[in-house]
């Protein structure tokens, strides 16, 4: 716990019991299909976390081997290994941990990992907080998809390390005033956004609230009929608008055309279906065609731009950790 009111919240757990370690990491990282096993005569683990709801600094050290599939949602995690070996995102874009080089965890989808006799440092950012900073500094809206294969080097790595050291000095100091803590959190978020390539994704389309009643009617029609071969003219008629008014309203309120909006809804539906599918009995092509995507090459390109992974990776990772939350889109 914190040393005094207003200081960072602290948590620490350590021991040599395999079952305790398994329970700790399963709860902390929503890990499914997890195995924990010694690699030598003595097994040991230590886990620490210091920070608040917006930003926490964590460290995990294990004398042993841990495997499983984590599911990171509602937050963004950057990590760097200082000892041992490991690989993450085995079902997506495999990422081998390199000592001293930070990398982003996969977000909003399962990522299998394998870690051996390691020490891993991590920064956890609240999703709402980081997306808010991205909105202020970049004008982006909604979730962010990071390139999990990118590793900063040279001047970029030096700036990142300097930022981490400065932020850690503030977070770990219980005498740091609240304003300094807020500035440190923001500096860490800005540094992350400047260091790691990313794509800002619009929120799931159904939760984008239209200002006008007629535009909301158009959105509701699109969502309800996304499985049908509807035309833009059909949407305009359902909303009681002219085609030109409909186009203008979507450009003004969502900065996309009605056709682009419908395509985003269908991509969300494809993602939901792929996540729930049996990889041995379902193909990407079957699901894509079910939602009106006839050209699989263009579909795959659009899918990867929206979700940061190929549809085949989503299908391959389906049902790996049991029941997962469905997207809102």
Protein backbone atom coordinates (compact mmCIF):
# COMPACT_ATOMS: atom_id res chain seq x y z
CA UNK A 1 0.00 0.00 0.00
CA UNK A 2 0.97 3.68 -0.28
CA UNK A 3 3.32 5.20 2.26
CA UNK A 4 1.11 8.27 2.74
CA UNK A 5 -2.10 9.78 1.31
CA UNK A 6 -1.69 10.95 -2.27
CA UNK A 7 1.38 8.84 -2.97
CA UNK A 8 1.52 6.07 -5.53
CA UNK A 9 -0.34 2.87 -4.80
CA UNK A 10 2.06 -0.02 -4.27
CA UNK A 11 1.69 -3.78 -4.50
CA UNK A 12 4.28 -6.52 -4.08
CA UNK A 13 4.08 -10.30 -4.06
CA UNK A 14 6.89 -12.84 -3.91
CA UNK A 15 7.41 -16.47 -3.04
CA UNK A 16 8.41 -19.92 -4.16
CA UNK A 17 5.03 -21.63 -4.54
CA UNK A 18 4.15 -22.47 -8.16
CA UNK A 19 0.39 -22.42 -7.51
CA UNK A 20 0.56 -18.96 -5.90
CA UNK A 21 2.52 -17.64 -8.88
CA UNK A 22 0.02 -19.12 -11.32
CA UNK A 23 -2.91 -17.48 -9.52
CA UNK A 24 -1.16 -14.11 -9.28
CA UNK A 25 -0.28 -13.86 -12.96
CA UNK A 26 -3.60 -15.28 -14.13
CA UNK A 27 -5.44 -12.54 -12.23
CA UNK A 28 -3.04 -9.74 -13.15
CA UNK A 29 -2.97 -10.42 -16.90
CA UNK A 30 -6.10 -12.43 -17.68
CA UNK A 31 -3.98 -15.39 -18.75
CA UNK A 32 -5.60 -18.52 -20.12
CA UNK A 33 -4.07 -21.94 -20.83
CA UNK A 34 -1.36 -21.03 -18.38
CA UNK A 35 1.54 -23.22 -17.28
CA UNK A 36 4.10 -22.39 -14.59
CA UNK A 37 7.00 -24.72 -13.99
CA UNK A 38 10.49 -24.65 -12.44
CA UNK A 39 13.54 -24.69 -14.67
CA UNK A 40 15.94 -25.52 -11.86
CA UNK A 41 15.87 -26.99 -8.35
CA UNK A 42 14.30 -23.87 -6.85
CA UNK A 43 11.35 -21.91 -8.23
CA UNK A 44 10.83 -18.28 -7.28
CA UNK A 45 8.87 -15.22 -8.34
CA UNK A 46 8.53 -11.54 -7.47
CA UNK A 47 5.98 -9.07 -8.82
CA UNK A 48 5.75 -5.35 -8.01
CA UNK A 49 3.46 -2.55 -9.13
CA UNK A 50 3.66 1.17 -8.31
CA UNK A 51 1.44 3.91 -9.71
CA UNK A 52 -2.20 4.86 -10.12
CA UNK A 53 -5.16 4.20 -12.39
CA UNK A 54 -3.62 6.17 -15.28
CA UNK A 55 -0.05 4.85 -15.18
CA UNK A 56 1.66 2.08 -13.23
CA UNK A 57 5.24 0.80 -13.35
CA UNK A 58 5.53 -2.95 -12.89
CA UNK A 59 8.26 -5.54 -12.73
CA UNK A 60 8.01 -9.31 -12.94
CA UNK A 61 10.86 -11.67 -12.11
CA UNK A 62 10.55 -15.46 -12.32
CA UNK A 63 13.05 -18.24 -11.81
CA UNK A 64 11.13 -20.69 -13.96
CA UNK A 65 9.05 -20.86 -17.11
CA UNK A 66 5.62 -19.32 -17.72
CA UNK A 67 3.51 -19.87 -20.84
CA UNK A 68 -0.06 -18.93 -21.71
CA UNK A 69 -2.25 -16.52 -23.64
CA UNK A 70 -2.81 -13.06 -22.18
CA UNK A 71 -5.60 -10.70 -23.17
CA UNK A 72 -4.78 -7.01 -22.79
CA UNK A 73 -7.86 -4.80 -23.00
CA UNK A 74 -8.63 -1.31 -21.73
CA UNK A 75 -4.95 -0.50 -21.30
CA UNK A 76 -1.69 -0.25 -23.24
CA UNK A 77 1.46 -2.03 -22.08
CA UNK A 78 5.06 -1.46 -23.10
CA UNK A 79 7.69 -3.85 -21.74
CA UNK A 80 11.43 -4.41 -21.81
CA UNK A 81 13.34 -7.47 -20.65
CA UNK A 82 16.56 -7.17 -18.65
CA UNK A 83 17.23 -10.86 -18.02
CA UNK A 84 16.24 -14.24 -19.43
CA UNK A 85 14.46 -14.96 -22.69
CA UNK A 86 10.97 -14.93 -24.09
CA UNK A 87 8.66 -14.47 -27.02
CA UNK A 88 5.15 -13.01 -27.24
CA UNK A 89 2.28 -12.83 -29.74
CA UNK A 90 2.97 -16.30 -31.13
CA UNK A 91 -0.38 -16.31 -32.95
CA UNK A 92 0.03 -12.85 -34.49
CA UNK A 93 3.38 -11.21 -35.24
CA UNK A 94 5.88 -13.11 -33.03
CA UNK A 95 7.93 -10.74 -30.90
CA UNK A 96 11.15 -11.96 -29.32
CA UNK A 97 12.10 -9.99 -26.24
CA UNK A 98 15.50 -8.34 -26.59
CA UNK A 99 17.33 -7.17 -23.49
CA UNK A 100 16.93 -3.44 -22.96
CA UNK A 101 14.74 -2.88 -26.02
CA UNK A 102 11.12 -1.94 -25.31
CA UNK A 103 8.20 -3.31 -27.33
CA UNK A 104 4.43 -2.94 -27.19
CA UNK A 105 2.17 -5.78 -26.11
CA UNK A 106 -0.60 -6.79 -28.51
CA UNK A 107 -3.84 -5.08 -27.53
CA UNK A 108 -7.50 -6.14 -27.62
CA UNK A 109 -6.74 -9.70 -28.74
CA UNK A 110 -5.10 -12.81 -27.25
CA UNK A 111 -1.33 -13.02 -27.44
CA UNK A 112 0.42 -16.25 -26.50
CA UNK A 113 3.78 -15.95 -24.76
CA UNK A 114 6.64 -18.07 -23.46
CA UNK A 115 9.00 -16.59 -20.81
CA UNK A 116 11.99 -18.34 -19.19
CA UNK A 117 14.07 -17.27 -16.15
CA UNK A 118 13.33 -13.64 -16.81
CA UNK A 119 12.96 -10.15 -15.44
CA UNK A 120 10.49 -7.97 -17.32
CA UNK A 121 9.83 -4.28 -16.68
CA UNK A 122 6.50 -2.84 -17.81
CA UNK A 123 4.59 0.42 -18.10
CA UNK A 124 0.80 0.09 -18.00
CA UNK A 125 -1.24 3.01 -19.34
CA UNK A 126 -4.98 3.24 -18.85
CA UNK A 127 -6.65 3.07 -22.27
CA UNK A 128 -8.82 6.10 -21.59
CA UNK A 129 -5.84 8.13 -20.39
CA UNK A 130 -3.49 7.34 -23.28
CA UNK A 131 -6.25 7.81 -25.86
CA UNK A 132 -7.08 11.14 -24.26
CA UNK A 133 -3.48 12.32 -24.55
CA UNK A 134 -3.38 11.10 -28.17
CA UNK A 135 -6.54 13.07 -28.85
CA UNK A 136 -5.02 16.24 -27.41
CA UNK A 137 -1.63 15.91 -29.10
CA UNK A 138 -2.52 14.20 -32.38
CA UNK A 139 -6.22 14.92 -32.87
CA UNK A 140 -6.94 11.18 -33.01
CA UNK A 141 -10.14 9.52 -31.86
CA UNK A 142 -10.65 6.19 -30.16
CA UNK A 143 -8.47 3.08 -29.73
CA UNK A 144 -4.83 2.99 -30.82
CA UNK A 145 -3.15 0.11 -32.62
CA UNK A 146 0.62 -0.09 -32.04
CA UNK A 147 3.20 -1.89 -34.16
CA UNK A 148 4.19 -4.72 -31.80
CA UNK A 149 7.25 -5.61 -33.90
CA UNK A 150 8.89 -2.17 -33.66
CA UNK A 151 11.99 -1.69 -31.48
CA UNK A 152 13.39 1.81 -30.97
CA UNK A 153 17.12 2.23 -31.43
CA UNK A 154 19.73 4.98 -31.49
CA UNK A 155 18.50 8.43 -30.49
CA UNK A 156 14.91 7.20 -30.22
CA UNK A 157 15.87 4.53 -27.67
CA UNK A 158 18.00 7.03 -25.76
CA UNK A 159 15.09 9.49 -25.49
CA UNK A 160 12.74 6.71 -24.37
CA UNK A 161 15.14 5.50 -21.66
CA UNK A 162 15.62 9.05 -20.40
CA UNK A 163 11.85 9.51 -20.24
CA UNK A 164 11.39 6.25 -18.31
CA UNK A 165 14.10 7.21 -15.81
CA UNK A 166 12.55 10.65 -15.23
CA UNK A 167 9.03 9.27 -14.80
CA UNK A 168 10.19 6.49 -12.48
CA UNK A 169 11.97 9.03 -10.28
CA UNK A 170 8.67 10.85 -9.76
CA UNK A 171 6.39 7.80 -9.43
CA UNK A 172 8.57 6.02 -6.86
CA UNK A 173 9.01 9.15 -4.72
CA UNK A 174 6.18 9.44 -2.19
CA UNK A 175 7.07 13.09 -1.68
CA UNK A 176 6.28 13.97 -5.31
CA UNK A 177 3.45 16.56 -5.38
CA UNK A 178 0.26 15.74 -7.29
CA UNK A 179 0.99 18.27 -10.05
CA UNK A 180 4.44 16.80 -10.68
CA UNK A 181 2.90 13.32 -10.86
CA UNK A 182 0.36 14.50 -13.42
CA UNK A 183 3.10 16.09 -15.52
CA UNK A 184 5.18 12.89 -15.33
CA UNK A 185 2.23 10.75 -16.46
CA UNK A 186 1.60 13.02 -19.42
CA UNK A 187 5.30 13.11 -20.34
CA UNK A 188 5.38 9.30 -20.32
CA UNK A 189 2.28 9.10 -22.54
CA UNK A 190 3.67 11.64 -25.02
CA UNK A 191 7.01 9.81 -25.11
CA UNK A 192 5.25 6.51 -25.83
CA UNK A 193 3.27 8.05 -28.70
CA UNK A 194 6.39 9.68 -30.13
CA UNK A 195 8.50 6.52 -29.84
CA UNK A 196 6.24 3.74 -31.11
CA UNK A 197 4.53 3.78 -34.54
CA UNK A 198 0.78 3.56 -34.18
CA UNK A 199 -2.52 3.98 -35.92
CA UNK A 200 -5.48 5.65 -34.22
CA UNK A 201 -8.66 3.75 -34.90
CA UNK A 202 -12.09 5.30 -34.74
CA UNK A 203 -14.34 3.96 -31.99
CA UNK A 204 -16.61 1.01 -32.90
CA UNK A 205 -19.11 2.54 -35.27
CA UNK A 206 -22.27 1.78 -33.33
CA UNK A 207 -21.12 3.80 -30.34
CA UNK A 208 -20.40 6.91 -32.42
CA UNK A 209 -23.32 9.13 -31.43
CA UNK A 210 -24.83 11.22 -34.17
CA UNK A 211 -25.95 14.73 -33.30
CA UNK A 212 -29.10 14.81 -35.44
CA UNK A 213 -32.09 12.49 -35.17
CA UNK A 214 -32.09 11.72 -38.89
CA UNK A 215 -28.42 10.81 -38.90
CA UNK A 216 -29.00 8.54 -35.91
CA UNK A 217 -31.81 6.89 -37.86
CA UNK A 218 -29.42 6.35 -40.77
CA UNK A 219 -26.83 4.79 -38.44
CA UNK A 220 -29.43 2.49 -36.90
CA UNK A 221 -30.52 1.39 -40.37
CA UNK A 222 -26.93 0.67 -41.42
CA UNK A 223 -26.23 -1.39 -38.31
CA UNK A 224 -29.48 -3.36 -38.48
CA UNK A 225 -29.09 -4.18 -42.17
CA UNK A 226 -25.33 -4.60 -42.50
CA UNK A 227 -25.84 -8.24 -43.52
CA UNK A 228 -27.94 -7.19 -46.53
CA UNK A 229 -26.82 -5.74 -49.91
CA UNK A 230 -28.09 -2.24 -49.07
CA UNK A 231 -27.30 0.87 -51.11
CA UNK A 232 -26.64 4.42 -49.96
CA UNK A 233 -29.94 5.41 -51.54
CA UNK A 234 -31.70 2.90 -49.25
CA UNK A 235 -30.12 4.50 -46.21
CA UNK A 236 -31.13 7.99 -47.28
CA UNK A 237 -34.71 6.88 -47.87
CA UNK A 238 -34.90 5.17 -44.47
CA UNK A 239 -33.68 8.35 -42.76
CA UNK A 240 -35.94 10.66 -44.77
CA UNK A 241 -32.98 12.52 -46.25
CA UNK A 242 -31.76 13.34 -49.70
CA UNK A 243 -28.66 11.52 -50.87
CA UNK A 244 -26.64 14.74 -50.78
CA UNK A 245 -27.83 15.56 -47.24
CA UNK A 246 -26.94 12.09 -46.05
CA UNK A 247 -23.44 12.32 -47.51
CA UNK A 248 -22.92 15.76 -45.98
CA UNK A 249 -24.18 14.66 -42.57
CA UNK A 250 -21.80 11.68 -42.39
CA UNK A 251 -18.87 13.78 -43.54
CA UNK A 252 -19.68 16.44 -40.97
CA UNK A 253 -20.31 14.13 -38.02
CA UNK A 254 -18.06 11.12 -38.67
CA UNK A 255 -15.64 12.34 -41.37
CA UNK A 256 -16.49 9.29 -43.50
CA UNK A 257 -19.00 8.47 -46.22
CA UNK A 258 -22.05 6.29 -45.45
CA UNK A 259 -20.42 3.54 -47.51
CA UNK A 260 -17.23 3.76 -45.43
CA UNK A 261 -19.31 3.64 -42.26
CA UNK A 262 -21.12 0.51 -43.46
CA UNK A 263 -17.81 -1.10 -44.38
CA UNK A 264 -16.52 -0.45 -40.84
CA UNK A 265 -19.63 -2.03 -39.34
CA UNK A 266 -19.18 -5.10 -41.51
CA UNK A 267 -15.49 -5.38 -40.62
CA UNK A 268 -16.45 -5.33 -36.93
CA UNK A 269 -18.96 -8.10 -37.58
CA UNK A 270 -16.34 -10.16 -39.40
CA UNK A 271 -13.96 -9.75 -36.46
CA UNK A 272 -16.63 -10.91 -34.00
CA UNK A 273 -17.39 -13.97 -36.13
CA UNK A 274 -13.72 -14.86 -36.59
CA UNK A 275 -13.13 -14.63 -32.85
CA UNK A 276 -16.00 -17.02 -32.18
CA UNK A 277 -15.20 -19.42 -35.02
CA UNK A 278 -13.64 -22.86 -34.97
CA UNK A 279 -10.39 -22.53 -36.99
CA UNK A 280 -10.71 -26.13 -38.10
CA UNK A 281 -14.16 -25.67 -39.63
CA UNK A 282 -14.28 -22.02 -40.74
CA UNK A 283 -12.32 -20.07 -43.34
CA UNK A 284 -11.69 -16.35 -43.53
CA UNK A 285 -13.22 -16.31 -47.02
CA UNK A 286 -16.48 -17.82 -45.78
CA UNK A 287 -16.88 -15.18 -43.07
CA UNK A 288 -15.83 -12.30 -45.33
CA UNK A 289 -18.32 -13.27 -48.03
CA UNK A 290 -21.06 -13.63 -45.41
CA UNK A 291 -20.64 -9.92 -44.71
CA UNK A 292 -20.51 -8.78 -48.30
CA UNK A 293 -16.77 -8.73 -49.01
CA UNK A 294 -16.26 -10.27 -52.44
CA UNK A 295 -12.65 -9.23 -53.12
CA UNK A 296 -10.61 -10.99 -50.44
CA UNK A 297 -7.39 -9.08 -51.13
CA UNK A 298 -9.00 -5.68 -50.57
CA UNK A 299 -10.91 -7.09 -47.60
CA UNK A 300 -7.72 -8.34 -45.92
CA UNK A 301 -5.99 -5.00 -46.47
CA UNK A 302 -8.92 -3.08 -44.97
CA UNK A 303 -9.17 -5.51 -42.06
CA UNK A 304 -5.49 -5.21 -41.18
CA UNK A 305 -5.65 -1.39 -41.33
CA UNK A 306 -8.60 -1.35 -38.93
CA UNK A 307 -7.46 -3.98 -36.43
CA UNK A 308 -3.69 -4.14 -36.80
CA UNK A 309 -3.61 -7.83 -37.73
CA UNK A 310 -4.61 -10.03 -40.64
CA UNK A 311 -7.97 -11.83 -40.43
CA UNK A 312 -6.16 -15.16 -40.53
CA UNK A 313 -4.38 -14.22 -37.27
CA UNK A 314 -7.73 -13.43 -35.62
CA UNK A 315 -9.13 -16.78 -36.72
CA UNK A 316 -6.03 -18.67 -35.61
CA UNK A 317 -6.26 -17.13 -32.12
CA UNK A 318 -9.98 -17.82 -31.69
CA UNK A 319 -11.07 -19.84 -28.66
CA UNK A 320 -7.55 -19.93 -27.21
CA UNK A 321 -8.47 -18.51 -23.82
CA UNK A 322 -12.10 -19.41 -23.49
CA UNK A 323 -14.88 -16.83 -23.67
CA UNK A 324 -13.63 -13.39 -24.65
CA UNK A 325 -15.48 -10.09 -24.59
CA UNK A 326 -17.06 -9.24 -27.92
CA UNK A 327 -16.32 -5.90 -29.51
CA UNK A 328 -18.90 -3.16 -29.26
CA UNK A 329 -18.74 -2.70 -33.01
